[in-house]
Amino acid sequence: MLLGLGLLLALPGRSQQVAVIKFPELQKRLSRPTDTTYVVNFWATWCAPCVKELPNFEQVGTTYANQKVKVLLVSLDYASQLDKKVRPFVRQRALKSEVVLLNESDPNSWLEEVDAKWTGSIPFTLIVNNKTKQRATFERELSKAQLTAALQKFL
């Protein structure tokens, strides 16, 4: 029994991967002509309201796992912080949603492409379904009830 436990503990844990991407790659993913509704949250490890609302996105991902809903968490931390802050943060909180780190040094070069009214403040959430041409944005922290209500309009 102890040997079995030791072997289990020795196996490397399946830790969440965090891909580093550029904006064109994100834009390409979000503009696919699919009937999947994307819930995209822009956040950072240093942003208290962002960290506070992350469990709401995780819960939405779990609740709608059998529907065409995909949660994507886009970290705006510096790429140099990937191994020191972002990956440990994702691991400690056992995030199940896909997490990517957006490696762009000049937000002004891409913010308007996400939403013309976005000032750059985070947290920022985009809910989009390209097939139904529905889109909603929120430049504030969302409670679980607010996030669920917003998503329900897409389903």
C-alpha atoms as a PDB file:
ATOM      1  CA  MET A   1       0.000   0.000   0.000  1.00  0.00           C
ATOM      2  CA  LEU A   2       2.734   2.457   0.954  1.00  0.00           C
ATOM      3  CA  LEU A   3       4.667   1.609  -2.197  1.00  0.00           C
ATOM      4  CA  GLY A   4       1.574   2.375  -4.288  1.00  0.00           C
ATOM      5  CA  LEU A   5       1.140   5.712  -2.549  1.00  0.00           C
ATOM      6  CA  GLY A   6       4.807   6.511  -3.081  1.00  0.00           C
ATOM      7  CA  LEU A   7       4.504   5.757  -6.787  1.00  0.00           C
ATOM      8  CA  LEU A   8       1.435   7.971  -7.050  1.00  0.00           C
ATOM      9  CA  LEU A   9       3.239  10.835  -5.365  1.00  0.00           C
ATOM     10  CA  ALA A  10       6.271  10.358  -7.610  1.00  0.00           C
ATOM     11  CA  LEU A  11       4.234  10.797 -10.786  1.00  0.00           C
ATOM     12  CA  PRO A  12       4.459  14.318 -12.146  1.00  0.00           C
ATOM     13  CA  GLY A  13       1.185  16.157 -11.676  1.00  0.00           C
ATOM     14  CA  ARG A  14      -0.715  17.193 -14.755  1.00  0.00           C
ATOM     15  CA  SER A  15      -0.196  20.862 -14.284  1.00  0.00           C
ATOM     16  CA  GLN A  16      -2.092  23.422 -16.308  1.00  0.00           C
ATOM     17  CA  GLN A  17      -0.110  24.644 -19.280  1.00  0.00           C
ATOM     18  CA  VAL A  18       0.039  28.392 -19.883  1.00  0.00           C
ATOM     19  CA  ALA A  19       0.770  29.236 -23.504  1.00  0.00           C
ATOM     20  CA  VAL A  20       2.381  32.549 -24.360  1.00  0.00           C
ATOM     21  CA  ILE A  21       0.679  34.087 -27.385  1.00  0.00           C
ATOM     22  CA  LYS A  22       0.701  37.277 -29.437  1.00  0.00           C
ATOM     23  CA  PHE A  23      -2.458  39.263 -30.169  1.00  0.00           C
ATOM     24  CA  PRO A  24      -2.902  38.065 -33.789  1.00  0.00           C
ATOM     25  CA  GLU A  25      -3.165  34.490 -32.492  1.00  0.00           C
ATOM     26  CA  LEU A  26      -5.785  35.527 -29.915  1.00  0.00           C
ATOM     27  CA  GLN A  27      -7.665  37.526 -32.526  1.00  0.00           C
ATOM     28  CA  LYS A  28      -7.667  34.553 -34.904  1.00  0.00           C
ATOM     29  CA  ARG A  29      -9.105  32.284 -32.210  1.00  0.00           C
ATOM     30  CA  LEU A  30     -11.810  34.765 -31.265  1.00  0.00           C
ATOM     31  CA  SER A  31     -12.904  35.418 -34.829  1.00  0.00           C
ATOM     32  CA  ARG A  32     -13.509  31.782 -35.809  1.00  0.00           C
ATOM     33  CA  PRO A  33     -16.925  31.321 -37.442  1.00  0.00           C
ATOM     34  CA  THR A  34     -18.101  28.844 -34.820  1.00  0.00           C
ATOM     35  CA  ASP A  35     -21.254  28.474 -32.767  1.00  0.00           C
ATOM     36  CA  THR A  36     -19.213  28.208 -29.568  1.00  0.00           C
ATOM     37  CA  THR A  37     -19.726  31.045 -27.101  1.00  0.00           C
ATOM     38  CA  TYR A  38     -16.385  32.280 -25.788  1.00  0.00           C
ATOM     39  CA  VAL A  39     -16.139  33.805 -22.327  1.00  0.00           C
ATOM     40  CA  VAL A  40     -12.815  35.637 -22.382  1.00  0.00           C
ATOM     41  CA  ASN A  41     -11.517  37.236 -19.212  1.00  0.00           C
ATOM     42  CA  PHE A  42      -8.522  39.587 -19.318  1.00  0.00           C
ATOM     43  CA  TRP A  43      -6.826  39.579 -15.911  1.00  0.00           C
ATOM     44  CA  ALA A  44      -3.476  39.675 -14.096  1.00  0.00           C
ATOM     45  CA  THR A  45      -2.064  38.081 -10.959  1.00  0.00           C
ATOM     46  CA  TRP A  46      -1.499  41.526  -9.396  1.00  0.00           C
ATOM     47  CA  CYS A  47      -5.103  42.688  -9.961  1.00  0.00           C
ATOM     48  CA  ALA A  48      -7.158  42.041  -6.779  1.00  0.00           C
ATOM     49  CA  PRO A  49     -10.620  42.316  -8.435  1.00  0.00           C
ATOM     50  CA  CYS A  50      -9.399  39.988 -11.206  1.00  0.00           C
ATOM     51  CA  VAL A  51      -8.229  37.371  -8.732  1.00  0.00           C
ATOM     52  CA  LYS A  52     -11.466  37.707  -6.745  1.00  0.00           C
ATOM     53  CA  GLU A  53     -13.671  36.949  -9.770  1.00  0.00           C
ATOM     54  CA  LEU A  54     -11.618  34.055 -11.229  1.00  0.00           C
ATOM     55  CA  PRO A  55     -13.602  31.382  -9.314  1.00  0.00           C
ATOM     56  CA  ASN A  56     -16.751  32.650 -11.069  1.00  0.00           C
ATOM     57  CA  PHE A  57     -15.206  31.891 -14.466  1.00  0.00           C
ATOM     58  CA  GLU A  58     -14.068  28.481 -13.255  1.00  0.00           C
ATOM     59  CA  GLN A  59     -17.590  27.714 -12.083  1.00  0.00           C
ATOM     60  CA  VAL A  60     -19.094  28.824 -15.416  1.00  0.00           C
ATOM     61  CA  GLY A  61     -16.620  26.568 -17.213  1.00  0.00           C
ATOM     62  CA  THR A  62     -17.705  23.604 -15.092  1.00  0.00           C
ATOM     63  CA  THR A  63     -21.438  24.379 -15.226  1.00  0.00           C
ATOM     64  CA  TYR A  64     -21.484  24.715 -19.016  1.00  0.00           C
ATOM     65  CA  ALA A  65     -18.896  22.027 -19.778  1.00  0.00           C
ATOM     66  CA  ASN A  66     -21.406  19.999 -21.813  1.00  0.00           C
ATOM     67  CA  GLN A  67     -22.514  22.985 -23.878  1.00  0.00           C
ATOM     68  CA  LYS A  68     -20.740  24.975 -26.568  1.00  0.00           C
ATOM     69  CA  VAL A  69     -19.191  27.393 -24.075  1.00  0.00           C
ATOM     70  CA  LYS A  70     -15.445  27.924 -23.698  1.00  0.00           C
ATOM     71  CA  VAL A  71     -13.785  29.951 -20.952  1.00  0.00           C
ATOM     72  CA  LEU A  72     -10.446  31.514 -21.847  1.00  0.00           C
ATOM     73  CA  LEU A  73      -8.428  33.349 -19.190  1.00  0.00           C
ATOM     74  CA  VAL A  74      -6.020  35.842 -20.776  1.00  0.00           C
ATOM     75  CA  SER A  75      -3.270  36.916 -18.399  1.00  0.00           C
ATOM     76  CA  LEU A  76      -1.862  40.390 -18.973  1.00  0.00           C
ATOM     77  CA  ASP A  77       1.130  39.766 -16.724  1.00  0.00           C
ATOM     78  CA  TYR A  78       4.556  40.356 -18.249  1.00  0.00           C
ATOM     79  CA  ALA A  79       5.901  37.327 -20.132  1.00  0.00           C
ATOM     80  CA  SER A  80       8.993  37.529 -17.900  1.00  0.00           C
ATOM     81  CA  GLN A  81       6.697  36.634 -14.966  1.00  0.00           C
ATOM     82  CA  LEU A  82       5.424  33.411 -16.569  1.00  0.00           C
ATOM     83  CA  ASP A  83       7.497  30.974 -14.475  1.00  0.00           C
ATOM     84  CA  LYS A  84       7.809  33.135 -11.353  1.00  0.00           C
ATOM     85  CA  LYS A  85       4.202  34.246 -10.950  1.00  0.00           C
ATOM     86  CA  VAL A  86       1.687  33.104 -13.546  1.00  0.00           C
ATOM     87  CA  ARG A  87       2.280  29.335 -13.643  1.00  0.00           C
ATOM     88  CA  PRO A  88       2.563  29.061  -9.819  1.00  0.00           C
ATOM     89  CA  PHE A  89      -0.626  31.163  -9.478  1.00  0.00           C
ATOM     90  CA  VAL A  90      -2.520  28.911 -11.909  1.00  0.00           C
ATOM     91  CA  ARG A  91      -1.200  25.777 -10.192  1.00  0.00           C
ATOM     92  CA  GLN A  92      -1.965  26.989  -6.638  1.00  0.00           C
ATOM     93  CA  ARG A  93      -5.531  27.864  -7.580  1.00  0.00           C
ATOM     94  CA  ALA A  94      -5.925  24.669  -9.634  1.00  0.00           C
ATOM     95  CA  LEU A  95      -7.443  26.590 -12.543  1.00  0.00           C
ATOM     96  CA  LYS A  96      -9.105  24.254 -15.035  1.00  0.00           C
ATOM     97  CA  SER A  97     -10.007  26.830 -17.711  1.00  0.00           C
ATOM     98  CA  GLU A  98      -7.532  27.433 -20.510  1.00  0.00           C
ATOM     99  CA  VAL A  99      -5.031  30.117 -19.518  1.00  0.00           C
ATOM    100  CA  VAL A 100      -2.870  32.044 -21.970  1.00  0.00           C
ATOM    101  CA  LEU A 101      -0.454  34.884 -21.364  1.00  0.00           C
ATOM    102  CA  LEU A 102      -0.755  37.695 -23.891  1.00  0.00           C
ATOM    103  CA  ASN A 103       2.777  38.812 -24.725  1.00  0.00           C
ATOM    104  CA  GLU A 104       2.262  42.322 -26.068  1.00  0.00           C
ATOM    105  CA  SER A 105       4.231  45.307 -24.798  1.00  0.00           C
ATOM    106  CA  ASP A 106       1.944  48.050 -26.153  1.00  0.00           C
ATOM    107  CA  PRO A 107      -1.722  47.636 -25.142  1.00  0.00           C
ATOM    108  CA  ASN A 108      -2.659  50.572 -27.370  1.00  0.00           C
ATOM    109  CA  SER A 109      -1.775  48.447 -30.389  1.00  0.00           C
ATOM    110  CA  TRP A 110      -4.511  45.880 -29.678  1.00  0.00           C
ATOM    111  CA  LEU A 111      -7.036  47.145 -27.081  1.00  0.00           C
ATOM    112  CA  GLU A 112      -9.293  48.749 -29.669  1.00  0.00           C
ATOM    113  CA  GLU A 113      -9.305  45.511 -31.670  1.00  0.00           C
ATOM    114  CA  VAL A 114     -10.902  43.738 -28.703  1.00  0.00           C
ATOM    115  CA  ASP A 115     -13.383  46.533 -27.992  1.00  0.00           C
ATOM    116  CA  ALA A 116     -13.404  50.155 -29.156  1.00  0.00           C
ATOM    117  CA  LYS A 117     -14.683  51.335 -25.753  1.00  0.00           C
ATOM    118  CA  TRP A 118     -12.194  49.413 -23.618  1.00  0.00           C
ATOM    119  CA  THR A 119     -10.016  51.882 -21.683  1.00  0.00           C
ATOM    120  CA  GLY A 120      -7.509  49.196 -20.724  1.00  0.00           C
ATOM    121  CA  SER A 121      -8.762  48.659 -17.175  1.00  0.00           C
ATOM    122  CA  ILE A 122      -8.961  45.121 -15.898  1.00  0.00           C
ATOM    123  CA  PRO A 123     -10.744  42.945 -15.185  1.00  0.00           C
ATOM    124  CA  PHE A 124     -12.306  43.015 -18.640  1.00  0.00           C
ATOM    125  CA  THR A 125     -14.621  40.313 -19.943  1.00  0.00           C
ATOM    126  CA  LEU A 126     -15.704  39.640 -23.504  1.00  0.00           C
ATOM    127  CA  ILE A 127     -18.497  37.191 -24.271  1.00  0.00           C
ATOM    128  CA  VAL A 128     -18.794  36.474 -27.971  1.00  0.00           C
ATOM    129  CA  ASN A 129     -20.546  34.082 -30.328  1.00  0.00           C
ATOM    130  CA  ASN A 130     -19.586  34.712 -33.947  1.00  0.00           C
ATOM    131  CA  LYS A 131     -22.242  32.512 -35.508  1.00  0.00           C
ATOM    132  CA  THR A 132     -25.102  34.402 -33.793  1.00  0.00           C
ATOM    133  CA  LYS A 133     -23.160  37.697 -34.004  1.00  0.00           C
ATOM    134  CA  GLN A 134     -23.683  38.317 -30.287  1.00  0.00           C
ATOM    135  CA  ARG A 135     -21.133  40.239 -28.265  1.00  0.00           C
ATOM    136  CA  ALA A 136     -21.032  41.714 -24.758  1.00  0.00           C
ATOM    137  CA  THR A 137     -18.206  43.393 -22.859  1.00  0.00           C
ATOM    138  CA  PHE A 138     -17.748  44.288 -19.198  1.00  0.00           C
ATOM    139  CA  GLU A 139     -14.968  46.525 -17.915  1.00  0.00           C
ATOM    140  CA  ARG A 140     -15.475  45.640 -14.260  1.00  0.00           C
ATOM    141  CA  GLU A 141     -15.488  42.751 -11.827  1.00  0.00           C
ATOM    142  CA  LEU A 142     -18.410  40.388 -12.375  1.00  0.00           C
ATOM    143  CA  SER A 143     -20.181  38.459  -9.647  1.00  0.00           C
ATOM    144  CA  LYS A 144     -21.189  34.868 -10.335  1.00  0.00           C
ATOM    145  CA  ALA A 145     -24.812  35.992 -10.806  1.00  0.00           C
ATOM    146  CA  GLN A 146     -23.825  38.804 -13.217  1.00  0.00           C
ATOM    147  CA  LEU A 147     -21.594  36.504 -15.267  1.00  0.00           C
ATOM    148  CA  THR A 148     -24.233  33.769 -15.433  1.00  0.00           C
ATOM    149  CA  ALA A 149     -26.973  36.256 -16.402  1.00  0.00           C
ATOM    150  CA  ALA A 150     -24.786  37.711 -19.160  1.00  0.00           C
ATOM    151  CA  LEU A 151     -23.929  34.262 -20.495  1.00  0.00           C
ATOM    152  CA  GLN A 152     -27.583  33.107 -20.422  1.00  0.00           C
ATOM    153  CA  LYS A 153     -28.390  35.715 -23.102  1.00  0.00           C
ATOM    154  CA  PHE A 154     -26.113  33.764 -25.462  1.00  0.00           C
ATOM    155  CA  LEU A 155     -27.629  30.336 -24.856  1.00  0.00           C
END
